[in-house]
Amino acid sequence: MRKLKVEVSAMELATAEKKDSRYCMIAEAIRRLYPELRNVQVDTQAIRVTDRVRREQLTFMTPGTVQVAIVRFDEGDAVRPFEFECREPRVRKMRSLGEAKNGTHVARGKQSGVPKTRSKAGAYRIGRLRVHGLKAVGRAAEQFKKAE
């Protein structure tokens, strides 16, 4: 798969979760249009998917208009249905479970790199919290609002 054409419908806009890279409107649309893809993650920098049949991990750069839509959606602004296309992903071949680069067995450990967030009660919970810190996207969103 060298091209990803995505149509985000009103259904995905209504059912998607804000600030969640796995269940945002674009991830839901990709799952609907490409059921063979797994581990769909979307943020303002990249769209990551796994093709288990071809044993590849694909990383597409997020287009600028989609970045603006993600930020607006996460801020609670209304977003209309839209479509976009991504081309030329970075392709990484998957290794089998337990296989290291040199072919030796590697023990699988706990998941790392997942952010911890603190609940109101003070307890930590592990989750996928998407927070934006891009100044350029903020400026693009302001220009997008002025154009409407």
C-alpha atoms as a PDB file:
ATOM      1  CA  MET A   1       0.000   0.000   0.000  1.00  0.00           C
ATOM      2  CA  ARG A   2       1.680   3.142  -1.175  1.00  0.00           C
ATOM      3  CA  LYS A   3      -1.308   5.478  -0.911  1.00  0.00           C
ATOM      4  CA  LEU A   4      -3.929   6.064   1.772  1.00  0.00           C
ATOM      5  CA  LYS A   5      -7.151   7.797   0.675  1.00  0.00           C
ATOM      6  CA  VAL A   6      -9.376   8.639   3.647  1.00  0.00           C
ATOM      7  CA  GLU A   7     -12.910  10.021   3.761  1.00  0.00           C
ATOM      8  CA  VAL A   8     -13.943  11.197   7.228  1.00  0.00           C
ATOM      9  CA  SER A   9     -17.743  11.050   7.442  1.00  0.00           C
ATOM     10  CA  ALA A  10     -20.225  12.545   9.889  1.00  0.00           C
ATOM     11  CA  MET A  11     -20.431   9.136  11.594  1.00  0.00           C
ATOM     12  CA  GLU A  12     -16.736   9.238  12.567  1.00  0.00           C
ATOM     13  CA  LEU A  13     -17.044  12.846  13.696  1.00  0.00           C
ATOM     14  CA  ALA A  14     -19.939  11.880  15.990  1.00  0.00           C
ATOM     15  CA  THR A  15     -18.366   8.745  17.505  1.00  0.00           C
ATOM     16  CA  ALA A  16     -14.686   9.730  17.752  1.00  0.00           C
ATOM     17  CA  GLU A  17     -12.915  10.499  21.027  1.00  0.00           C
ATOM     18  CA  LYS A  18     -11.070  13.769  21.558  1.00  0.00           C
ATOM     19  CA  LYS A  19      -7.336  13.743  22.347  1.00  0.00           C
ATOM     20  CA  ASP A  20      -7.013  10.011  21.705  1.00  0.00           C
ATOM     21  CA  SER A  21      -4.646   8.941  18.934  1.00  0.00           C
ATOM     22  CA  ARG A  22      -6.227   5.503  18.493  1.00  0.00           C
ATOM     23  CA  TYR A  23      -9.908   6.479  18.445  1.00  0.00           C
ATOM     24  CA  CYS A  24      -9.926   9.891  16.752  1.00  0.00           C
ATOM     25  CA  MET A  25     -12.079  10.624  13.700  1.00  0.00           C
ATOM     26  CA  ILE A  26      -9.302   9.835  11.240  1.00  0.00           C
ATOM     27  CA  ALA A  27      -8.320   6.541  12.898  1.00  0.00           C
ATOM     28  CA  GLU A  28     -11.961   5.429  12.866  1.00  0.00           C
ATOM     29  CA  ALA A  29     -12.278   6.328   9.168  1.00  0.00           C
ATOM     30  CA  ILE A  30      -9.107   4.384   8.321  1.00  0.00           C
ATOM     31  CA  ARG A  31     -10.449   1.325  10.173  1.00  0.00           C
ATOM     32  CA  ARG A  32     -13.731   1.572   8.240  1.00  0.00           C
ATOM     33  CA  LEU A  33     -12.079   1.977   4.828  1.00  0.00           C
ATOM     34  CA  TYR A  34      -9.126  -0.382   5.335  1.00  0.00           C
ATOM     35  CA  PRO A  35     -10.187  -3.259   7.625  1.00  0.00           C
ATOM     36  CA  GLU A  36      -6.930  -5.133   6.943  1.00  0.00           C
ATOM     37  CA  LEU A  37      -4.905  -2.444   8.741  1.00  0.00           C
ATOM     38  CA  ARG A  38      -4.298  -2.729  12.480  1.00  0.00           C
ATOM     39  CA  ASN A  39      -2.775  -0.560  15.248  1.00  0.00           C
ATOM     40  CA  VAL A  40      -3.975   2.700  13.705  1.00  0.00           C
ATOM     41  CA  GLN A  41      -2.559   5.782  15.463  1.00  0.00           C
ATOM     42  CA  VAL A  42      -3.048   9.369  14.320  1.00  0.00           C
ATOM     43  CA  ASP A  43      -1.472  12.561  15.625  1.00  0.00           C
ATOM     44  CA  THR A  44      -0.464  15.903  14.177  1.00  0.00           C
ATOM     45  CA  GLN A  45       2.877  14.569  12.932  1.00  0.00           C
ATOM     46  CA  ALA A  46       2.186  11.115  11.540  1.00  0.00           C
ATOM     47  CA  ILE A  47      -0.408   8.465  10.740  1.00  0.00           C
ATOM     48  CA  ARG A  48       0.859   5.020  11.724  1.00  0.00           C
ATOM     49  CA  VAL A  49      -0.701   1.716  10.672  1.00  0.00           C
ATOM     50  CA  THR A  50       0.306  -1.943  10.620  1.00  0.00           C
ATOM     51  CA  ASP A  51      -0.383  -4.217   7.664  1.00  0.00           C
ATOM     52  CA  ARG A  52      -0.281  -7.704   9.193  1.00  0.00           C
ATOM     53  CA  VAL A  53      -0.750  -9.454   5.830  1.00  0.00           C
ATOM     54  CA  ARG A  54       2.335  -7.834   4.268  1.00  0.00           C
ATOM     55  CA  ARG A  55       4.085  -7.684   7.676  1.00  0.00           C
ATOM     56  CA  GLU A  56       4.844  -3.967   7.366  1.00  0.00           C
ATOM     57  CA  GLN A  57       4.532  -0.935   9.595  1.00  0.00           C
ATOM     58  CA  LEU A  58       3.611   2.141   7.548  1.00  0.00           C
ATOM     59  CA  THR A  59       4.127   5.747   8.642  1.00  0.00           C
ATOM     60  CA  PHE A  60       2.490   8.515   6.603  1.00  0.00           C
ATOM     61  CA  MET A  61       3.159  12.209   7.265  1.00  0.00           C
ATOM     62  CA  THR A  62      -0.013  14.009   8.389  1.00  0.00           C
ATOM     63  CA  PRO A  63      -1.068  16.653   5.808  1.00  0.00           C
ATOM     64  CA  GLY A  64      -1.358  20.265   7.015  1.00  0.00           C
ATOM     65  CA  THR A  65      -5.123  20.498   6.518  1.00  0.00           C
ATOM     66  CA  VAL A  66      -5.564  17.321   8.554  1.00  0.00           C
ATOM     67  CA  GLN A  67      -3.352  18.739  11.321  1.00  0.00           C
ATOM     68  CA  VAL A  68      -5.679  21.737  11.563  1.00  0.00           C
ATOM     69  CA  ALA A  69      -8.741  19.458  11.649  1.00  0.00           C
ATOM     70  CA  ILE A  70      -7.212  17.352  14.462  1.00  0.00           C
ATOM     71  CA  VAL A  71      -6.403  20.406  16.581  1.00  0.00           C
ATOM     72  CA  ARG A  72      -9.849  21.924  16.029  1.00  0.00           C
ATOM     73  CA  PHE A  73     -11.583  18.623  16.864  1.00  0.00           C
ATOM     74  CA  ASP A  74      -9.520  18.133  20.034  1.00  0.00           C
ATOM     75  CA  GLU A  75     -10.331  21.697  21.141  1.00  0.00           C
ATOM     76  CA  GLY A  76     -14.058  20.999  20.748  1.00  0.00           C
ATOM     77  CA  ASP A  77     -14.657  23.057  17.603  1.00  0.00           C
ATOM     78  CA  ALA A  78     -17.069  21.846  14.931  1.00  0.00           C
ATOM     79  CA  VAL A  79     -15.427  20.010  12.032  1.00  0.00           C
ATOM     80  CA  ARG A  80     -17.213  19.172   8.793  1.00  0.00           C
ATOM     81  CA  PRO A  81     -16.703  15.854   6.948  1.00  0.00           C
ATOM     82  CA  PHE A  82     -13.619  15.945   4.724  1.00  0.00           C
ATOM     83  CA  GLU A  83     -11.297  13.743   2.722  1.00  0.00           C
ATOM     84  CA  PHE A  84      -7.561  13.619   2.155  1.00  0.00           C
ATOM     85  CA  GLU A  85      -4.832  11.481   0.655  1.00  0.00           C
ATOM     86  CA  CYS A  86      -1.421  10.442   1.964  1.00  0.00           C
ATOM     87  CA  ARG A  87       1.333   9.083  -0.257  1.00  0.00           C
ATOM     88  CA  GLU A  88       4.793   7.584   0.045  1.00  0.00           C
ATOM     89  CA  PRO A  89       4.854   6.116   3.545  1.00  0.00           C
ATOM     90  CA  ARG A  90       7.947   5.148   5.418  1.00  0.00           C
ATOM     91  CA  VAL A  91       7.814   1.333   5.342  1.00  0.00           C
ATOM     92  CA  ARG A  92       9.351  -0.808   8.033  1.00  0.00           C
ATOM     93  CA  LYS A  93       9.309  -4.601   7.788  1.00  0.00           C
ATOM     94  CA  MET A  94       8.034  -6.342  10.907  1.00  0.00           C
ATOM     95  CA  ARG A  95      10.058  -9.001  12.668  1.00  0.00           C
ATOM     96  CA  SER A  96       8.426 -12.028  14.212  1.00  0.00           C
ATOM     97  CA  LEU A  97       7.746 -12.065  17.960  1.00  0.00           C
ATOM     98  CA  GLY A  98      10.901 -12.521  19.978  1.00  0.00           C
ATOM     99  CA  GLU A  99      13.225 -12.013  16.996  1.00  0.00           C
ATOM    100  CA  ALA A 100      15.981  -9.481  17.452  1.00  0.00           C
ATOM    101  CA  LYS A 101      18.002  -7.790  14.709  1.00  0.00           C
ATOM    102  CA  ASN A 102      20.789 -10.379  15.027  1.00  0.00           C
ATOM    103  CA  GLY A 103      18.346 -13.324  15.015  1.00  0.00           C
ATOM    104  CA  THR A 104      18.558 -14.180  18.726  1.00  0.00           C
ATOM    105  CA  HIS A 105      15.546 -14.497  21.010  1.00  0.00           C
ATOM    106  CA  VAL A 106      14.530 -11.458  23.076  1.00  0.00           C
ATOM    107  CA  ALA A 107      12.287 -11.610  26.135  1.00  0.00           C
ATOM    108  CA  ARG A 108       9.220  -9.419  25.814  1.00  0.00           C
ATOM    109  CA  GLY A 109       8.843  -6.923  28.648  1.00  0.00           C
ATOM    110  CA  LYS A 110       6.208  -4.464  29.796  1.00  0.00           C
ATOM    111  CA  GLN A 111       5.028  -1.751  27.451  1.00  0.00           C
ATOM    112  CA  SER A 112       7.117   1.377  27.796  1.00  0.00           C
ATOM    113  CA  GLY A 113       6.660   4.889  26.516  1.00  0.00           C
ATOM    114  CA  VAL A 114       2.968   5.098  27.408  1.00  0.00           C
ATOM    115  CA  PRO A 115       2.212   8.298  29.312  1.00  0.00           C
ATOM    116  CA  LYS A 116       0.905   8.144  32.848  1.00  0.00           C
ATOM    117  CA  THR A 117      -1.858  10.550  33.775  1.00  0.00           C
ATOM    118  CA  ARG A 118      -3.165  11.339  37.218  1.00  0.00           C
ATOM    119  CA  SER A 119      -6.904  11.128  37.889  1.00  0.00           C
ATOM    120  CA  LYS A 120      -8.842  13.524  40.139  1.00  0.00           C
ATOM    121  CA  ALA A 121      -8.522  11.032  42.970  1.00  0.00           C
ATOM    122  CA  GLY A 122      -4.741  11.221  42.647  1.00  0.00           C
ATOM    123  CA  ALA A 123      -4.230   7.719  41.229  1.00  0.00           C
ATOM    124  CA  TYR A 124      -2.144   7.201  38.104  1.00  0.00           C
ATOM    125  CA  ARG A 125      -3.647   5.591  35.050  1.00  0.00           C
ATOM    126  CA  ILE A 126      -1.940   4.623  31.838  1.00  0.00           C
ATOM    127  CA  GLY A 127      -3.488   5.985  28.655  1.00  0.00           C
ATOM    128  CA  ARG A 128      -2.998   7.561  25.245  1.00  0.00           C
ATOM    129  CA  LEU A 129      -3.357  11.282  25.819  1.00  0.00           C
ATOM    130  CA  ARG A 130      -2.777  13.465  22.765  1.00  0.00           C
ATOM    131  CA  VAL A 131      -1.671  17.003  23.587  1.00  0.00           C
ATOM    132  CA  HIS A 132      -0.636  19.567  20.982  1.00  0.00           C
ATOM    133  CA  GLY A 133       2.274  21.908  21.337  1.00  0.00           C
ATOM    134  CA  LEU A 134       2.708  23.081  17.773  1.00  0.00           C
ATOM    135  CA  LYS A 135       2.719  26.843  17.346  1.00  0.00           C
ATOM    136  CA  ALA A 136       2.444  26.594  13.559  1.00  0.00           C
ATOM    137  CA  VAL A 137      -0.689  24.472  13.755  1.00  0.00           C
ATOM    138  CA  GLY A 138      -2.233  27.003  16.133  1.00  0.00           C
ATOM    139  CA  ARG A 139      -1.599  29.804  13.654  1.00  0.00           C
ATOM    140  CA  ALA A 140      -2.975  27.706  10.787  1.00  0.00           C
ATOM    141  CA  ALA A 141      -6.118  26.970  12.813  1.00  0.00           C
ATOM    142  CA  GLU A 142      -6.654  30.703  13.428  1.00  0.00           C
ATOM    143  CA  GLN A 143      -6.303  31.400   9.706  1.00  0.00           C
ATOM    144  CA  PHE A 144      -8.693  28.535   8.972  1.00  0.00           C
ATOM    145  CA  LYS A 145     -11.309  30.024  11.342  1.00  0.00           C
ATOM    146  CA  LYS A 146     -10.959  33.466   9.713  1.00  0.00           C
ATOM    147  CA  ALA A 147     -11.523  31.950   6.257  1.00  0.00           C
ATOM    148  CA  GLU A 148     -14.863  30.406   7.286  1.00  0.00           C
END
